Amino acid sequence: MSVSRDELRRLVDALPEEETRAVKRFLEFVLSRAKAEDEAWLEADLGEVPPYDWGPGGPPAGKPVRYEPGVGLVVEGGKP
């Protein structure tokens, strides 16, 4: 079930003021658990990963890319 952020904001705005602390603690708990799961996955020893099999055609043609933190993948030499 998907809930929009606007719906969540509407629900939080409708809460009595004394209940907002409990909601804040719960959301912080959910976020800390998600962060811990992400960190555990990133630090996991996945063993040796075999090379990818591109099949008989080999790797697809295209321009090389690089990852730039805060931006994402950047195509070397401009747009494809």
PDB file of N, CA and C in Angstrom:
ATOM      1  N   MET A   1       0.846  -1.175   0.000  1.00  0.00           N
ATOM      2  CA  MET A   1       0.000   0.000   0.000  1.00  0.00           C
ATOM      3  C   MET A   1       0.888   1.233   0.000  1.00  0.00           C
ATOM      4  N   SER A   2       0.654   2.100  -0.923  1.00  0.00           N
ATOM      5  CA  SER A   2       1.447   3.311  -1.035  1.00  0.00           C
ATOM      6  C   SER A   2       0.679   4.488  -0.429  1.00  0.00           C
ATOM      7  N   VAL A   3       1.394   5.307   0.326  1.00  0.00           N
ATOM      8  CA  VAL A   3       0.796   6.488   0.937  1.00  0.00           C
ATOM      9  C   VAL A   3       1.607   7.694   0.496  1.00  0.00           C
ATOM     10  N   SER A   4       0.926   8.712   0.028  1.00  0.00           N
ATOM     11  CA  SER A   4       1.643   9.906  -0.422  1.00  0.00           C
ATOM     12  C   SER A   4       2.155  10.702   0.773  1.00  0.00           C
ATOM     13  N   ARG A   5       3.186  11.462   0.537  1.00  0.00           N
ATOM     14  CA  ARG A   5       3.740  12.314   1.600  1.00  0.00           C
ATOM     15  C   ARG A   5       2.714  13.360   2.034  1.00  0.00           C
ATOM     16  N   ASP A   6       1.913  13.824   1.086  1.00  0.00           N
ATOM     17  CA  ASP A   6       0.872  14.795   1.446  1.00  0.00           C
ATOM     18  C   ASP A   6      -0.118  14.188   2.432  1.00  0.00           C
ATOM     19  N   GLU A   7      -0.472  12.918   2.219  1.00  0.00           N
ATOM     20  CA  GLU A   7      -1.382  12.237   3.136  1.00  0.00           C
ATOM     21  C   GLU A   7      -0.747  12.093   4.518  1.00  0.00           C
ATOM     22  N   LEU A   8       0.539  11.748   4.539  1.00  0.00           N
ATOM     23  CA  LEU A   8       1.238  11.646   5.830  1.00  0.00           C
ATOM     24  C   LEU A   8       1.279  12.998   6.538  1.00  0.00           C
ATOM     25  N   ARG A   9       1.552  14.056   5.793  1.00  0.00           N
ATOM     26  CA  ARG A   9       1.579  15.396   6.398  1.00  0.00           C
ATOM     27  C   ARG A   9       0.212  15.760   6.961  1.00  0.00           C
ATOM     28  N   ARG A  10      -0.838  15.428   6.232  1.00  0.00           N
ATOM     29  CA  ARG A  10      -2.197  15.729   6.688  1.00  0.00           C
ATOM     30  C   ARG A  10      -2.475  15.002   8.005  1.00  0.00           C
ATOM     31  N   LEU A  11      -2.061  13.731   8.080  1.00  0.00           N
ATOM     32  CA  LEU A  11      -2.285  12.963   9.296  1.00  0.00           C
ATOM     33  C   LEU A  11      -1.481  13.514  10.472  1.00  0.00           C
ATOM     34  N   VAL A  12      -0.229  13.867  10.237  1.00  0.00           N
ATOM     35  CA  VAL A  12       0.602  14.423  11.307  1.00  0.00           C
ATOM     36  C   VAL A  12       0.036  15.767  11.760  1.00  0.00           C
ATOM     37  N   ASP A  13      -0.400  16.584  10.829  1.00  0.00           N
ATOM     38  CA  ASP A  13      -0.984  17.878  11.194  1.00  0.00           C
ATOM     39  C   ASP A  13      -2.256  17.718  12.027  1.00  0.00           C
ATOM     40  N   ALA A  14      -2.978  16.610  11.842  1.00  0.00           N
ATOM     41  CA  ALA A  14      -4.230  16.384  12.574  1.00  0.00           C
ATOM     42  C   ALA A  14      -3.991  15.817  13.974  1.00  0.00           C
ATOM     43  N   LEU A  15      -2.757  15.380  14.268  1.00  0.00           N
ATOM     44  CA  LEU A  15      -2.472  14.803  15.578  1.00  0.00           C
ATOM     45  C   LEU A  15      -2.540  15.850  16.682  1.00  0.00           C
ATOM     46  N   PRO A  16      -2.982  15.424  17.861  1.00  0.00           N
ATOM     47  CA  PRO A  16      -2.861  16.322  19.017  1.00  0.00           C
ATOM     48  C   PRO A  16      -1.374  16.576  19.286  1.00  0.00           C
ATOM     49  N   GLU A  17      -1.038  17.760  19.728  1.00  0.00           N
ATOM     50  CA  GLU A  17       0.358  18.161  19.920  1.00  0.00           C
ATOM     51  C   GLU A  17       1.139  17.171  20.788  1.00  0.00           C
ATOM     52  N   GLU A  18       0.513  16.634  21.831  1.00  0.00           N
ATOM     53  CA  GLU A  18       1.228  15.731  22.732  1.00  0.00           C
ATOM     54  C   GLU A  18       1.565  14.392  22.079  1.00  0.00           C
ATOM     55  N   GLU A  19       0.932  14.041  20.974  1.00  0.00           N
ATOM     56  CA  GLU A  19       1.210  12.782  20.283  1.00  0.00           C
ATOM     57  C   GLU A  19       2.333  12.904  19.259  1.00  0.00           C
ATOM     58  N   THR A  20       2.702  14.115  18.890  1.00  0.00           N
ATOM     59  CA  THR A  20       3.722  14.287  17.851  1.00  0.00           C
ATOM     60  C   THR A  20       5.086  13.765  18.301  1.00  0.00           C
ATOM     61  N   ARG A  21       5.382  13.823  19.604  1.00  0.00           N
ATOM     62  CA  ARG A  21       6.658  13.290  20.086  1.00  0.00           C
ATOM     63  C   ARG A  21       6.751  11.780  19.858  1.00  0.00           C
ATOM     64  N   ALA A  22       5.646  11.085  20.107  1.00  0.00           N
ATOM     65  CA  ALA A  22       5.637   9.627  19.911  1.00  0.00           C
ATOM     66  C   ALA A  22       5.817   9.290  18.435  1.00  0.00           C
ATOM     67  N   VAL A  23       5.185  10.057  17.563  1.00  0.00           N
ATOM     68  CA  VAL A  23       5.330   9.825  16.125  1.00  0.00           C
ATOM     69  C   VAL A  23       6.764  10.103  15.698  1.00  0.00           C
ATOM     70  N   LYS A  24       7.347  11.164  16.212  1.00  0.00           N
ATOM     71  CA  LYS A  24       8.742  11.499  15.893  1.00  0.00           C
ATOM     72  C   LYS A  24       9.678  10.374  16.326  1.00  0.00           C
ATOM     73  N   ARG A  25       9.500   9.855  17.541  1.00  0.00           N
ATOM     74  CA  ARG A  25      10.347   8.753  18.018  1.00  0.00           C
ATOM     75  C   ARG A  25      10.187   7.516  17.132  1.00  0.00           C
ATOM     76  N   PHE A  26       8.943   7.224  16.740  1.00  0.00           N
ATOM     77  CA  PHE A  26       8.700   6.062  15.888  1.00  0.00           C
ATOM     78  C   PHE A  26       9.383   6.226  14.531  1.00  0.00           C
ATOM     79  N   LEU A  27       9.243   7.399  13.915  1.00  0.00           N
ATOM     80  CA  LEU A  27       9.883   7.628  12.614  1.00  0.00           C
ATOM     81  C   LEU A  27      11.396   7.572  12.719  1.00  0.00           C
ATOM     82  N   GLU A  28      11.957   8.096  13.800  1.00  0.00           N
ATOM     83  CA  GLU A  28      13.406   8.013  14.003  1.00  0.00           C
ATOM     84  C   GLU A  28      13.846   6.559  14.145  1.00  0.00           C
ATOM     85  N   PHE A  29      13.038   5.747  14.841  1.00  0.00           N
ATOM     86  CA  PHE A  29      13.331   4.319  14.990  1.00  0.00           C
ATOM     87  C   PHE A  29      13.323   3.626  13.634  1.00  0.00           C
ATOM     88  N   VAL A  30      12.290   3.894  12.830  1.00  0.00           N
ATOM     89  CA  VAL A  30      12.188   3.273  11.502  1.00  0.00           C
ATOM     90  C   VAL A  30      13.387   3.662  10.641  1.00  0.00           C
ATOM     91  N   LEU A  31      13.757   4.934  10.664  1.00  0.00           N
ATOM     92  CA  LEU A  31      14.892   5.394   9.868  1.00  0.00           C
ATOM     93  C   LEU A  31      16.204   4.785  10.343  1.00  0.00           C
ATOM     94  N   SER A  32      16.395   4.680  11.657  1.00  0.00           N
ATOM     95  CA  SER A  32      17.651   4.112  12.162  1.00  0.00           C
ATOM     96  C   SER A  32      17.742   2.632  11.804  1.00  0.00           C
ATOM     97  N   ARG A  33      16.620   1.922  11.846  1.00  0.00           N
ATOM     98  CA  ARG A  33      16.623   0.506  11.471  1.00  0.00           C
ATOM     99  C   ARG A  33      16.930   0.335   9.989  1.00  0.00           C
ATOM    100  N   ALA A  34      16.346   1.187   9.150  1.00  0.00           N
ATOM    101  CA  ALA A  34      16.614   1.113   7.711  1.00  0.00           C
ATOM    102  C   ALA A  34      18.080   1.418   7.434  1.00  0.00           C
ATOM    103  N   LYS A  35      18.638   2.401   8.133  1.00  0.00           N
ATOM    104  CA  LYS A  35      20.047   2.746   7.939  1.00  0.00           C
ATOM    105  C   LYS A  35      20.945   1.588   8.358  1.00  0.00           C
ATOM    106  N   ALA A  36      20.614   0.947   9.479  1.00  0.00           N
ATOM    107  CA  ALA A  36      21.404  -0.184   9.953  1.00  0.00           C
ATOM    108  C   ALA A  36      21.352  -1.337   8.951  1.00  0.00           C
ATOM    109  N   GLU A  37      20.183  -1.594   8.373  1.00  0.00           N
ATOM    110  CA  GLU A  37      20.063  -2.649   7.365  1.00  0.00           C
ATOM    111  C   GLU A  37      20.892  -2.318   6.125  1.00  0.00           C
ATOM    112  N   ASP A  38      20.852  -1.059   5.699  1.00  0.00           N
ATOM    113  CA  ASP A  38      21.654  -0.643   4.543  1.00  0.00           C
ATOM    114  C   ASP A  38      23.143  -0.839   4.821  1.00  0.00           C
ATOM    115  N   GLU A  39      23.584  -0.408   6.002  1.00  0.00           N
ATOM    116  CA  GLU A  39      25.002  -0.532   6.342  1.00  0.00           C
ATOM    117  C   GLU A  39      25.424  -1.994   6.422  1.00  0.00           C
ATOM    118  N   ALA A  40      24.564  -2.837   6.991  1.00  0.00           N
ATOM    119  CA  ALA A  40      24.892  -4.264   7.093  1.00  0.00           C
ATOM    120  C   ALA A  40      25.030  -4.872   5.704  1.00  0.00           C
ATOM    121  N   TRP A  41      24.149  -4.503   4.800  1.00  0.00           N
ATOM    122  CA  TRP A  41      24.217  -5.046   3.435  1.00  0.00           C
ATOM    123  C   TRP A  41      25.475  -4.557   2.730  1.00  0.00           C
ATOM    124  N   LEU A  42      25.791  -3.277   2.884  1.00  0.00           N
ATOM    125  CA  LEU A  42      26.964  -2.723   2.213  1.00  0.00           C
ATOM    126  C   LEU A  42      28.264  -3.320   2.753  1.00  0.00           C
ATOM    127  N   GLU A  43      28.279  -3.690   4.029  1.00  0.00           N
ATOM    128  CA  GLU A  43      29.492  -4.234   4.641  1.00  0.00           C
ATOM    129  C   GLU A  43      29.561  -5.754   4.558  1.00  0.00           C
ATOM    130  N   ALA A  44      28.515  -6.387   4.052  1.00  0.00           N
ATOM    131  CA  ALA A  44      28.470  -7.849   3.998  1.00  0.00           C
ATOM    132  C   ALA A  44      29.536  -8.386   3.046  1.00  0.00           C
ATOM    133  N   ASP A  45      30.086  -9.522   3.412  1.00  0.00           N
ATOM    134  CA  ASP A  45      31.047 -10.191   2.547  1.00  0.00           C
ATOM    135  C   ASP A  45      30.257 -11.043   1.562  1.00  0.00           C
ATOM    136  N   LEU A  46      30.205 -10.596   0.336  1.00  0.00           N
ATOM    137  CA  LEU A  46      29.435 -11.303  -0.680  1.00  0.00           C
ATOM    138  C   LEU A  46      30.248 -12.388  -1.366  1.00  0.00           C
ATOM    139  N   GLY A  47      31.474 -12.554  -0.929  1.00  0.00           N
ATOM    140  CA  GLY A  47      32.323 -13.554  -1.556  1.00  0.00           C
ATOM    141  C   GLY A  47      32.794 -13.065  -2.913  1.00  0.00           C
ATOM    142  N   GLU A  48      33.347 -13.972  -3.667  1.00  0.00           N
ATOM    143  CA  GLU A  48      33.834 -13.611  -4.997  1.00  0.00           C
ATOM    144  C   GLU A  48      32.671 -13.631  -5.984  1.00  0.00           C
ATOM    145  N   VAL A  49      32.503 -12.554  -6.691  1.00  0.00           N
ATOM    146  CA  VAL A  49      31.429 -12.448  -7.676  1.00  0.00           C
ATOM    147  C   VAL A  49      32.007 -12.818  -9.041  1.00  0.00           C
ATOM    148  N   PRO A  50      31.382 -13.776  -9.727  1.00  0.00           N
ATOM    149  CA  PRO A  50      31.908 -14.164 -11.036  1.00  0.00           C
ATOM    150  C   PRO A  50      31.700 -13.047 -12.058  1.00  0.00           C
ATOM    151  N   PRO A  51      32.511 -13.010 -13.107  1.00  0.00           N
ATOM    152  CA  PRO A  51      32.323 -11.974 -14.127  1.00  0.00           C
ATOM    153  C   PRO A  51      30.969 -12.140 -14.811  1.00  0.00           C
ATOM    154  N   TYR A  52      30.402 -11.032 -15.225  1.00  0.00           N
ATOM    155  CA  TYR A  52      29.096 -11.053 -15.875  1.00  0.00           C
ATOM    156  C   TYR A  52      29.218 -11.639 -17.278  1.00  0.00           C
ATOM    157  N   ASP A  53      28.286 -12.500 -17.658  1.00  0.00           N
ATOM    158  CA  ASP A  53      28.269 -13.100 -18.990  1.00  0.00           C
ATOM    159  C   ASP A  53      27.367 -12.258 -19.886  1.00  0.00           C
ATOM    160  N   TRP A  54      27.968 -11.504 -20.795  1.00  0.00           N
ATOM    161  CA  TRP A  54      27.217 -10.634 -21.695  1.00  0.00           C
ATOM    162  C   TRP A  54      26.571 -11.409 -22.835  1.00  0.00           C
ATOM    163  N   GLY A  55      26.900 -12.660 -22.961  1.00  0.00           N
ATOM    164  CA  GLY A  55      26.337 -13.457 -24.040  1.00  0.00           C
ATOM    165  C   GLY A  55      27.182 -13.344 -25.294  1.00  0.00           C
ATOM    166  N   PRO A  56      26.699 -13.935 -26.401  1.00  0.00           N
ATOM    167  CA  PRO A  56      27.501 -13.968 -27.626  1.00  0.00           C
ATOM    168  C   PRO A  56      27.761 -12.592 -28.229  1.00  0.00           C
ATOM    169  N   GLY A  57      26.903 -11.614 -27.968  1.00  0.00           N
ATOM    170  CA  GLY A  57      27.089 -10.274 -28.546  1.00  0.00           C
ATOM    171  C   GLY A  57      28.097  -9.430 -27.799  1.00  0.00           C
ATOM    172  N   GLY A  58      28.490  -9.869 -26.617  1.00  0.00           N
ATOM    173  CA  GLY A  58      29.421  -9.086 -25.814  1.00  0.00           C
ATOM    174  C   GLY A  58      28.726  -7.882 -25.193  1.00  0.00           C
ATOM    175  N   PRO A  59      29.488  -7.015 -24.547  1.00  0.00           N
ATOM    176  CA  PRO A  59      28.889  -5.833 -23.925  1.00  0.00           C
ATOM    177  C   PRO A  59      28.229  -4.941 -24.974  1.00  0.00           C
ATOM    178  N   PRO A  60      27.134  -4.287 -24.630  1.00  0.00           N
ATOM    179  CA  PRO A  60      26.478  -3.393 -25.594  1.00  0.00           C
ATOM    180  C   PRO A  60      27.349  -2.179 -25.902  1.00  0.00           C
ATOM    181  N   ALA A  61      27.161  -1.627 -27.087  1.00  0.00           N
ATOM    182  CA  ALA A  61      27.904  -0.420 -27.473  1.00  0.00           C
ATOM    183  C   ALA A  61      27.368   0.764 -26.682  1.00  0.00           C
ATOM    184  N   GLY A  62      28.210   1.707 -26.417  1.00  0.00           N
ATOM    185  CA  GLY A  62      27.800   2.910 -25.697  1.00  0.00           C
ATOM    186  C   GLY A  62      28.998   3.661 -25.187  1.00  0.00           C
ATOM    187  N   LYS A  63      28.728   4.783 -24.556  1.00  0.00           N
ATOM    188  CA  LYS A  63      29.800   5.594 -23.991  1.00  0.00           C
ATOM    189  C   LYS A  63      30.068   5.159 -22.552  1.00  0.00           C
ATOM    190  N   PRO A  64      31.307   5.312 -22.109  1.00  0.00           N
ATOM    191  CA  PRO A  64      31.609   4.970 -20.722  1.00  0.00           C
ATOM    192  C   PRO A  64      30.958   5.976 -19.767  1.00  0.00           C
ATOM    193  N   VAL A  65      30.684   5.507 -18.553  1.00  0.00           N
ATOM    194  CA  VAL A  65      30.103   6.369 -17.529  1.00  0.00           C
ATOM    195  C   VAL A  65      30.982   6.329 -16.290  1.00  0.00           C
ATOM    196  N   ARG A  66      30.802   7.318 -15.437  1.00  0.00           N
ATOM    197  CA  ARG A  66      31.485   7.344 -14.147  1.00  0.00           C
ATOM    198  C   ARG A  66      30.473   7.809 -13.107  1.00  0.00           C
ATOM    199  N   TYR A  67      30.693   7.397 -11.873  1.00  0.00           N
ATOM    200  CA  TYR A  67      29.815   7.810 -10.791  1.00  0.00           C
ATOM    201  C   TYR A  67      30.371   9.050 -10.135  1.00  0.00           C
ATOM    202  N   GLU A  68      29.532  10.054  -9.967  1.00  0.00           N
ATOM    203  CA  GLU A  68      29.919  11.282  -9.298  1.00  0.00           C
ATOM    204  C   GLU A  68      29.028  11.448  -8.069  1.00  0.00           C
ATOM    205  N   PRO A  69      29.619  11.411  -6.861  1.00  0.00           N
ATOM    206  CA  PRO A  69      28.816  11.542  -5.648  1.00  0.00           C
ATOM    207  C   PRO A  69      27.957  12.804  -5.671  1.00  0.00           C
ATOM    208  N   GLY A  70      26.715  12.644  -5.262  1.00  0.00           N
ATOM    209  CA  GLY A  70      25.783  13.771  -5.238  1.00  0.00           C
ATOM    210  C   GLY A  70      25.118  14.042  -6.573  1.00  0.00           C
ATOM    211  N   VAL A  71      25.637  13.404  -7.647  1.00  0.00           N
ATOM    212  CA  VAL A  71      25.079  13.615  -8.985  1.00  0.00           C
ATOM    213  C   VAL A  71      24.529  12.315  -9.542  1.00  0.00           C
ATOM    214  N   GLY A  72      25.329  11.261  -9.459  1.00  0.00           N
ATOM    215  CA  GLY A  72      24.946   9.970 -10.023  1.00  0.00           C
ATOM    216  C   GLY A  72      25.850   9.602 -11.179  1.00  0.00           C
ATOM    217  N   LEU A  73      25.323   8.831 -12.120  1.00  0.00           N
ATOM    218  CA  LEU A  73      26.119   8.434 -13.278  1.00  0.00           C
ATOM    219  C   LEU A  73      26.234   9.597 -14.254  1.00  0.00           C
ATOM    220  N   VAL A  74      27.437   9.822 -14.714  1.00  0.00           N
ATOM    221  CA  VAL A  74      27.720  10.889 -15.682  1.00  0.00           C
ATOM    222  C   VAL A  74      28.310  10.229 -16.915  1.00  0.00           C
ATOM    223  N   VAL A  75      27.723  10.528 -18.071  1.00  0.00           N
ATOM    224  CA  VAL A  75      28.213   9.966 -19.331  1.00  0.00           C
ATOM    225  C   VAL A  75      29.491  10.709 -19.724  1.00  0.00           C
ATOM    226  N   GLU A  76      30.567   9.962 -19.933  1.00  0.00           N
ATOM    227  CA  GLU A  76      31.831  10.570 -20.350  1.00  0.00           C
ATOM    228  C   GLU A  76      31.649  11.124 -21.754  1.00  0.00           C
ATOM    229  N   GLY A  77      32.091  12.334 -21.983  1.00  0.00           N
ATOM    230  CA  GLY A  77      31.998  12.930 -23.306  1.00  0.00           C
ATOM    231  C   GLY A  77      30.620  13.495 -23.629  1.00  0.00           C
ATOM    232  N   GLY A  78      29.792  13.715 -22.634  1.00  0.00           N
ATOM    233  CA  GLY A  78      28.480  14.320 -22.872  1.00  0.00           C
ATOM    234  C   GLY A  78      27.374  13.287 -23.007  1.00  0.00           C
ATOM    235  N   LYS A  79      26.217  13.768 -23.408  1.00  0.00           N
ATOM    236  CA  LYS A  79      25.038  12.903 -23.529  1.00  0.00           C
ATOM    237  C   LYS A  79      25.205  11.905 -24.666  1.00  0.00           C
ATOM    238  N   PRO A  80      24.569  10.721 -24.512  1.00  0.00           N
ATOM    239  CA  PRO A  80      24.697   9.690 -25.573  1.00  0.00           C
ATOM    240  C   PRO A  80      24.029  10.119 -26.854  1.00  0.00           C
TER     241      PRO A  80
END
